Amino acid sequence: MLFIREFVVRKHERGLLYRNGDFERFLAAGVYRFFDPRKRVDVERFDLSQPEFEHRLLDYLVRWHPEAVEDLFVRVETGAGEVAVVYRNGHPWTFVAPERRALFWKGVVHVRAELIDIEAEPAVPRRIVQALLADMQARRVAPFERAIYVREVPEARVGLLYVEGKLVGELAPGVHAFWKIGRSVAIEMLDVRVKTLEAGEGRAPHAGLTSSWRLRSVERIRRWRAWPWRCTAANSSRSAPRPRY
């Protein structure tokens, strides 16, 4: 009929029904017909295979339609110092930053979230690091790049971990990753191999002195590099004593 408007919500979709521009209700898959001679009814459709629900009415829906939201969405909320890792069909997919709220459609994609206290656990879980490295190697967009600092410490090296300019730990060879949201993170490489000094030109050989000799031991290098007076600019301004070997 002339004044009957028809809207189709497909099986892999959900709809939001508006009347006069105001949200009225959610629509499941189906065919909907409305007597609407003045075209005051509209339907906004969403593809469930793209589960992230980014919408201007998100907070409104959570507050005024909590039962429908609970039925249709996976709801994720983070507090201060928390990050939510969101898994898509069992694989790390994206994250929700601290003090944020997010909704993800249920139905087609299995979505779950894991809350992580990044203040208590600054190191990133290995499964998430592996997902990030796989995306980087495949040159895919990796949302975790905005949240994670990752670096590999080669063999015969030690990594010195700095958070907000302060030395907080020593890292063995391997891949290491830390949450960098709200903080600066850096890893400085330290060569722990025993160094040698070759006899140069113009140096007169001494009895019993070979052409190369040990400069310092690994332990001495570590003690010098990790000495507290190097950790921060504030400490470096003071005349702190050097370590004794």
Foldseek 3Di string as FASTA:
>chain_A
DQQKDKDFAAQQKKKFKFFQRHTDDIGHGDMDIDRHNPPRIDIDMDGQVQFWDDDPCVVVCCVPVVVVQVVFWDKDAAAPQKKKFKDWQRAGAAIDDHGDITITTDDDIDIDIDIDRCVVVFWDDPRNVVSQVVCVVVVHDGNCVVFKDKDFAAPQKKKFKAKQQFTDDIHHGGMTMGTCVPIDIDIDIGRLDFDKDAQDPPDDDDPPDDRIDTPDHSVVSVQQVNPRCNRHPVSVVDPDDGDDD
